Amino acid sequence: MASDPFGDFKTAGYLRNTQGLSDPASIKHVEHALFPTNLDDAIEMLRTRKVIDYGPSSACGLFKDA
């Protein structure tokens, strides 16, 4: 994988996923399968926002010093 921001890809998998997956094909399959699962919740959350921005808990904020 191209990204290993935590430095533990071999032990925790890609981005510390809960299944510890490291095989790119498996990761892609799970990402594609789970995307529609949370889509309705994501759309509803976005509907309630007046402004959509990158808050302090976003990846932008988490990795700003990396």
PDB file of N, CA and C in Angstrom:
ATOM      1  N   MET A   1       0.844  -1.174   0.000  1.00  0.00           N
ATOM      2  CA  MET A   1       0.000   0.000   0.000  1.00  0.00           C
ATOM      3  C   MET A   1       0.896   1.246   0.000  1.00  0.00           C
ATOM      4  N   ALA A   2       0.391   2.278  -0.580  1.00  0.00           N
ATOM      5  CA  ALA A   2       1.175   3.499  -0.700  1.00  0.00           C
ATOM      6  C   ALA A   2       1.175   4.325   0.584  1.00  0.00           C
ATOM      7  N   SER A   3       0.152   4.187   1.418  1.00  0.00           N
ATOM      8  CA  SER A   3       0.032   5.021   2.603  1.00  0.00           C
ATOM      9  C   SER A   3       0.138   4.191   3.884  1.00  0.00           C
ATOM     10  N   ASP A   4       1.026   4.595   4.772  1.00  0.00           N
ATOM     11  CA  ASP A   4       1.177   3.931   6.072  1.00  0.00           C
ATOM     12  C   ASP A   4       1.490   5.001   7.126  1.00  0.00           C
ATOM     13  N   PRO A   5       0.531   5.904   7.385  1.00  0.00           N
ATOM     14  CA  PRO A   5       0.799   7.028   8.271  1.00  0.00           C
ATOM     15  C   PRO A   5       1.099   6.634   9.719  1.00  0.00           C
ATOM     16  N   PHE A   6       0.661   5.443  10.135  1.00  0.00           N
ATOM     17  CA  PHE A   6       0.879   5.019  11.516  1.00  0.00           C
ATOM     18  C   PHE A   6       2.125   4.156  11.683  1.00  0.00           C
ATOM     19  N   GLY A   7       2.700   3.694  10.558  1.00  0.00           N
ATOM     20  CA  GLY A   7       3.903   2.873  10.615  1.00  0.00           C
ATOM     21  C   GLY A   7       3.679   1.459  11.132  1.00  0.00           C
ATOM     22  N   ASP A   8       2.429   0.981  11.061  1.00  0.00           N
ATOM     23  CA  ASP A   8       2.145  -0.367  11.569  1.00  0.00           C
ATOM     24  C   ASP A   8       1.342  -1.205  10.572  1.00  0.00           C
ATOM     25  N   PHE A   9       1.553  -0.957   9.303  1.00  0.00           N
ATOM     26  CA  PHE A   9       0.820  -1.673   8.257  1.00  0.00           C
ATOM     27  C   PHE A   9       0.936  -3.185   8.397  1.00  0.00           C
ATOM     28  N   LYS A  10       2.140  -3.687   8.688  1.00  0.00           N
ATOM     29  CA  LYS A  10       2.342  -5.138   8.761  1.00  0.00           C
ATOM     30  C   LYS A  10       1.602  -5.787   9.922  1.00  0.00           C
ATOM     31  N   THR A  11       1.386  -5.066  11.002  1.00  0.00           N
ATOM     32  CA  THR A  11       0.718  -5.654  12.166  1.00  0.00           C
ATOM     33  C   THR A  11      -0.749  -5.288  12.285  1.00  0.00           C
ATOM     34  N   ALA A  12      -1.142  -4.111  11.809  1.00  0.00           N
ATOM     35  CA  ALA A  12      -2.518  -3.651  11.992  1.00  0.00           C
ATOM     36  C   ALA A  12      -3.298  -3.530  10.691  1.00  0.00           C
ATOM     37  N   GLY A  13      -2.642  -3.736   9.548  1.00  0.00           N
ATOM     38  CA  GLY A  13      -3.331  -3.627   8.268  1.00  0.00           C
ATOM     39  C   GLY A  13      -3.415  -2.185   7.798  1.00  0.00           C
ATOM     40  N   TYR A  14      -4.042  -2.011   6.653  1.00  0.00           N
ATOM     41  CA  TYR A  14      -4.152  -0.706   6.006  1.00  0.00           C
ATOM     42  C   TYR A  14      -4.967   0.261   6.861  1.00  0.00           C
ATOM     43  N   LEU A  15      -4.360   1.343   7.287  1.00  0.00           N
ATOM     44  CA  LEU A  15      -4.994   2.374   8.098  1.00  0.00           C
ATOM     45  C   LEU A  15      -5.704   1.805   9.325  1.00  0.00           C
ATOM     46  N   ARG A  16      -5.101   0.776   9.917  1.00  0.00           N
ATOM     47  CA  ARG A  16      -5.610   0.158  11.153  1.00  0.00           C
ATOM     48  C   ARG A  16      -7.068  -0.271  11.021  1.00  0.00           C
ATOM     49  N   ASN A  17      -7.435  -0.864   9.897  1.00  0.00           N
ATOM     50  CA  ASN A  17      -8.807  -1.305   9.715  1.00  0.00           C
ATOM     51  C   ASN A  17      -9.137  -2.403  10.722  1.00  0.00           C
ATOM     52  N   THR A  18     -10.398  -2.520  11.094  1.00  0.00           N
ATOM     53  CA  THR A  18     -10.806  -3.424  12.171  1.00  0.00           C
ATOM     54  C   THR A  18     -10.541  -4.894  11.862  1.00  0.00           C
ATOM     55  N   GLN A  19     -10.434  -5.243  10.591  1.00  0.00           N
ATOM     56  CA  GLN A  19     -10.165  -6.629  10.226  1.00  0.00           C
ATOM     57  C   GLN A  19      -8.677  -6.895  10.009  1.00  0.00           C
ATOM     58  N   GLY A  20      -7.857  -5.868  10.095  1.00  0.00           N
ATOM     59  CA  GLY A  20      -6.417  -6.031   9.891  1.00  0.00           C
ATOM     60  C   GLY A  20      -6.050  -6.403   8.471  1.00  0.00           C
ATOM     61  N   LEU A  21      -6.860  -5.984   7.515  1.00  0.00           N
ATOM     62  CA  LEU A  21      -6.621  -6.330   6.116  1.00  0.00           C
ATOM     63  C   LEU A  21      -5.409  -5.591   5.567  1.00  0.00           C
ATOM     64  N   SER A  22      -4.622  -6.310   4.775  1.00  0.00           N
ATOM     65  CA  SER A  22      -3.485  -5.679   4.116  1.00  0.00           C
ATOM     66  C   SER A  22      -3.470  -5.969   2.616  1.00  0.00           C
ATOM     67  N   ASP A  23      -4.272  -6.910   2.166  1.00  0.00           N
ATOM     68  CA  ASP A  23      -4.360  -7.246   0.749  1.00  0.00           C
ATOM     69  C   ASP A  23      -5.189  -6.185   0.022  1.00  0.00           C
ATOM     70  N   PRO A  24      -4.618  -5.501  -0.974  1.00  0.00           N
ATOM     71  CA  PRO A  24      -5.339  -4.425  -1.666  1.00  0.00           C
ATOM     72  C   PRO A  24      -6.692  -4.845  -2.246  1.00  0.00           C
ATOM     73  N   ALA A  25      -6.782  -6.040  -2.785  1.00  0.00           N
ATOM     74  CA  ALA A  25      -8.052  -6.495  -3.364  1.00  0.00           C
ATOM     75  C   ALA A  25      -9.113  -6.654  -2.274  1.00  0.00           C
ATOM     76  N   SER A  26      -8.734  -7.191  -1.128  1.00  0.00           N
ATOM     77  CA  SER A  26      -9.675  -7.357  -0.017  1.00  0.00           C
ATOM     78  C   SER A  26     -10.122  -6.009   0.528  1.00  0.00           C
ATOM     79  N   ILE A  27      -9.190  -5.090   0.636  1.00  0.00           N
ATOM     80  CA  ILE A  27      -9.512  -3.748   1.138  1.00  0.00           C
ATOM     81  C   ILE A  27     -10.499  -3.066   0.198  1.00  0.00           C
ATOM     82  N   LYS A  28     -10.237  -3.143  -1.099  1.00  0.00           N
ATOM     83  CA  LYS A  28     -11.126  -2.529  -2.079  1.00  0.00           C
ATOM     84  C   LYS A  28     -12.520  -3.147  -2.008  1.00  0.00           C
ATOM     85  N   HIS A  29     -12.598  -4.461  -1.873  1.00  0.00           N
ATOM     86  CA  HIS A  29     -13.888  -5.146  -1.775  1.00  0.00           C
ATOM     87  C   HIS A  29     -14.675  -4.653  -0.565  1.00  0.00           C
ATOM     88  N   VAL A  30     -14.019  -4.587   0.593  1.00  0.00           N
ATOM     89  CA  VAL A  30     -14.699  -4.151   1.820  1.00  0.00           C
ATOM     90  C   VAL A  30     -15.117  -2.689   1.712  1.00  0.00           C
ATOM     91  N   GLU A  31     -14.247  -1.841   1.186  1.00  0.00           N
ATOM     92  CA  GLU A  31     -14.592  -0.420   1.020  1.00  0.00           C
ATOM     93  C   GLU A  31     -15.825  -0.259   0.139  1.00  0.00           C
ATOM     94  N   HIS A  32     -15.858  -0.993  -0.964  1.00  0.00           N
ATOM     95  CA  HIS A  32     -16.986  -0.887  -1.888  1.00  0.00           C
ATOM     96  C   HIS A  32     -18.258  -1.465  -1.285  1.00  0.00           C
ATOM     97  N   ALA A  33     -18.140  -2.521  -0.496  1.00  0.00           N
ATOM     98  CA  ALA A  33     -19.313  -3.139   0.125  1.00  0.00           C
ATOM     99  C   ALA A  33     -19.888  -2.257   1.232  1.00  0.00           C
ATOM    100  N   LEU A  34     -19.033  -1.575   1.980  1.00  0.00           N
ATOM    101  CA  LEU A  34     -19.497  -0.774   3.109  1.00  0.00           C
ATOM    102  C   LEU A  34     -19.961   0.630   2.730  1.00  0.00           C
ATOM    103  N   PHE A  35     -19.527   1.135   1.604  1.00  0.00           N
ATOM    104  CA  PHE A  35     -19.891   2.496   1.212  1.00  0.00           C
ATOM    105  C   PHE A  35     -21.399   2.730   1.243  1.00  0.00           C
ATOM    106  N   PRO A  36     -22.216   1.908   0.568  1.00  0.00           N
ATOM    107  CA  PRO A  36     -23.663   2.180   0.575  1.00  0.00           C
ATOM    108  C   PRO A  36     -24.312   1.968   1.947  1.00  0.00           C
ATOM    109  N   THR A  37     -23.671   1.221   2.814  1.00  0.00           N
ATOM    110  CA  THR A  37     -24.218   0.954   4.141  1.00  0.00           C
ATOM    111  C   THR A  37     -24.415   2.234   4.935  1.00  0.00           C
ATOM    112  N   ASN A  38     -23.496   3.174   4.822  1.00  0.00           N
ATOM    113  CA  ASN A  38     -23.557   4.408   5.592  1.00  0.00           C
ATOM    114  C   ASN A  38     -23.978   5.628   4.772  1.00  0.00           C
ATOM    115  N   LEU A  39     -24.334   5.419   3.541  1.00  0.00           N
ATOM    116  CA  LEU A  39     -24.633   6.534   2.654  1.00  0.00           C
ATOM    117  C   LEU A  39     -25.846   7.349   3.114  1.00  0.00           C
ATOM    118  N   ASP A  40     -26.923   6.699   3.510  1.00  0.00           N
ATOM    119  CA  ASP A  40     -28.111   7.430   3.959  1.00  0.00           C
ATOM    120  C   ASP A  40     -27.809   8.282   5.191  1.00  0.00           C
ATOM    121  N   ASP A  41     -27.052   7.725   6.144  1.00  0.00           N
ATOM    122  CA  ASP A  41     -26.681   8.485   7.343  1.00  0.00           C
ATOM    123  C   ASP A  41     -25.804   9.683   6.976  1.00  0.00           C
ATOM    124  N   ALA A  42     -24.882   9.488   6.046  1.00  0.00           N
ATOM    125  CA  ALA A  42     -23.995  10.577   5.634  1.00  0.00           C
ATOM    126  C   ALA A  42     -24.784  11.699   4.951  1.00  0.00           C
ATOM    127  N   ILE A  43     -25.703  11.328   4.089  1.00  0.00           N
ATOM    128  CA  ILE A  43     -26.512  12.334   3.396  1.00  0.00           C
ATOM    129  C   ILE A  43     -27.365  13.100   4.398  1.00  0.00           C
ATOM    130  N   GLU A  44     -27.972  12.404   5.343  1.00  0.00           N
ATOM    131  CA  GLU A  44     -28.794  13.070   6.350  1.00  0.00           C
ATOM    132  C   GLU A  44     -27.964  14.025   7.213  1.00  0.00           C
ATOM    133  N   MET A  45     -26.765  13.608   7.584  1.00  0.00           N
ATOM    134  CA  MET A  45     -25.889  14.468   8.370  1.00  0.00           C
ATOM    135  C   MET A  45     -25.528  15.725   7.580  1.00  0.00           C
ATOM    136  N   LEU A  46     -25.239  15.580   6.295  1.00  0.00           N
ATOM    137  CA  LEU A  46     -24.893  16.730   5.466  1.00  0.00           C
ATOM    138  C   LEU A  46     -26.075  17.681   5.292  1.00  0.00           C
ATOM    139  N   ARG A  47     -27.279  17.144   5.260  1.00  0.00           N
ATOM    140  CA  ARG A  47     -28.470  17.996   5.135  1.00  0.00           C
ATOM    141  C   ARG A  47     -28.638  18.924   6.329  1.00  0.00           C
ATOM    142  N   THR A  48     -28.166  18.500   7.485  1.00  0.00           N
ATOM    143  CA  THR A  48     -28.352  19.297   8.695  1.00  0.00           C
ATOM    144  C   THR A  48     -27.295  20.383   8.851  1.00  0.00           C
ATOM    145  N   ARG A  49     -26.277  20.381   8.024  1.00  0.00           N
ATOM    146  CA  ARG A  49     -25.176  21.348   8.140  1.00  0.00           C
ATOM    147  C   ARG A  49     -25.458  22.611   7.337  1.00  0.00           C
ATOM    148  N   LYS A  50     -25.202  23.746   7.943  1.00  0.00           N
ATOM    149  CA  LYS A  50     -25.295  24.999   7.202  1.00  0.00           C
ATOM    150  C   LYS A  50     -24.032  25.213   6.388  1.00  0.00           C
ATOM    151  N   VAL A  51     -22.887  24.816   6.973  1.00  0.00           N
ATOM    152  CA  VAL A  51     -21.596  24.951   6.304  1.00  0.00           C
ATOM    153  C   VAL A  51     -20.882  23.612   6.393  1.00  0.00           C
ATOM    154  N   ILE A  52     -20.339  23.173   5.286  1.00  0.00           N
ATOM    155  CA  ILE A  52     -19.556  21.940   5.270  1.00  0.00           C
ATOM    156  C   ILE A  52     -18.092  22.338   5.168  1.00  0.00           C
ATOM    157  N   ASP A  53     -17.308  21.975   6.192  1.00  0.00           N
ATOM    158  CA  ASP A  53     -15.895  22.345   6.194  1.00  0.00           C
ATOM    159  C   ASP A  53     -15.064  21.234   6.829  1.00  0.00           C
ATOM    160  N   TYR A  54     -13.782  21.454   6.876  1.00  0.00           N
ATOM    161  CA  TYR A  54     -12.869  20.523   7.508  1.00  0.00           C
ATOM    162  C   TYR A  54     -12.671  20.953   8.948  1.00  0.00           C
ATOM    163  N   GLY A  55     -13.346  20.280   9.865  1.00  0.00           N
ATOM    164  CA  GLY A  55     -13.218  20.598  11.281  1.00  0.00           C
ATOM    165  C   GLY A  55     -11.954  20.006  11.869  1.00  0.00           C
ATOM    166  N   PRO A  56     -11.708  20.249  13.151  1.00  0.00           N
ATOM    167  CA  PRO A  56     -10.477  19.772  13.788  1.00  0.00           C
ATOM    168  C   PRO A  56     -10.357  18.253  13.861  1.00  0.00           C
ATOM    169  N   SER A  57     -11.470  17.520  13.771  1.00  0.00           N
ATOM    170  CA  SER A  57     -11.392  16.061  13.857  1.00  0.00           C
ATOM    171  C   SER A  57     -11.247  15.396  12.491  1.00  0.00           C
ATOM    172  N   SER A  58     -11.151  16.177  11.429  1.00  0.00           N
ATOM    173  CA  SER A  58     -10.988  15.606  10.095  1.00  0.00           C
ATOM    174  C   SER A  58      -9.566  15.098   9.902  1.00  0.00           C
ATOM    175  N   ALA A  59      -9.369  14.323   8.877  1.00  0.00           N
ATOM    176  CA  ALA A  59      -8.036  13.826   8.556  1.00  0.00           C
ATOM    177  C   ALA A  59      -7.079  14.990   8.337  1.00  0.00           C
ATOM    178  N   CYS A  60      -7.594  16.074   7.806  1.00  0.00           N
ATOM    179  CA  CYS A  60      -6.768  17.261   7.577  1.00  0.00           C
ATOM    180  C   CYS A  60      -6.172  17.737   8.911  1.00  0.00           C
ATOM    181  N   GLY A  61      -6.993  17.756   9.954  1.00  0.00           N
ATOM    182  CA  GLY A  61      -6.518  18.170  11.266  1.00  0.00           C
ATOM    183  C   GLY A  61      -5.650  17.130  11.926  1.00  0.00           C
ATOM    184  N   LEU A  62      -5.948  15.860  11.699  1.00  0.00           N
ATOM    185  CA  LEU A  62      -5.194  14.779  12.339  1.00  0.00           C
ATOM    186  C   LEU A  62      -3.783  14.667  11.822  1.00  0.00           C
ATOM    187  N   PHE A  63      -3.569  14.945  10.537  1.00  0.00           N
ATOM    188  CA  PHE A  63      -2.262  14.730   9.934  1.00  0.00           C
ATOM    189  C   PHE A  63      -1.542  16.029   9.564  1.00  0.00           C
ATOM    190  N   LYS A  64      -1.972  17.153  10.120  1.00  0.00           N
ATOM    191  CA  LYS A  64      -1.373  18.420   9.721  1.00  0.00           C
ATOM    192  C   LYS A  64       0.103  18.527  10.081  1.00  0.00           C
ATOM    193  N   ASP A  65       0.551  17.810  11.113  1.00  0.00           N
ATOM    194  CA  ASP A  65       1.954  17.853  11.513  1.00  0.00           C
ATOM    195  C   ASP A  65       2.776  16.741  10.897  1.00  0.00           C
ATOM    196  N   ALA A  66       2.121  15.840  10.163  1.00  0.00           N
ATOM    197  CA  ALA A  66       2.830  14.675   9.598  1.00  0.00           C
ATOM    198  C   ALA A  66       3.666  15.062   8.414  1.00  0.00           C
TER     199      ALA A  66
END
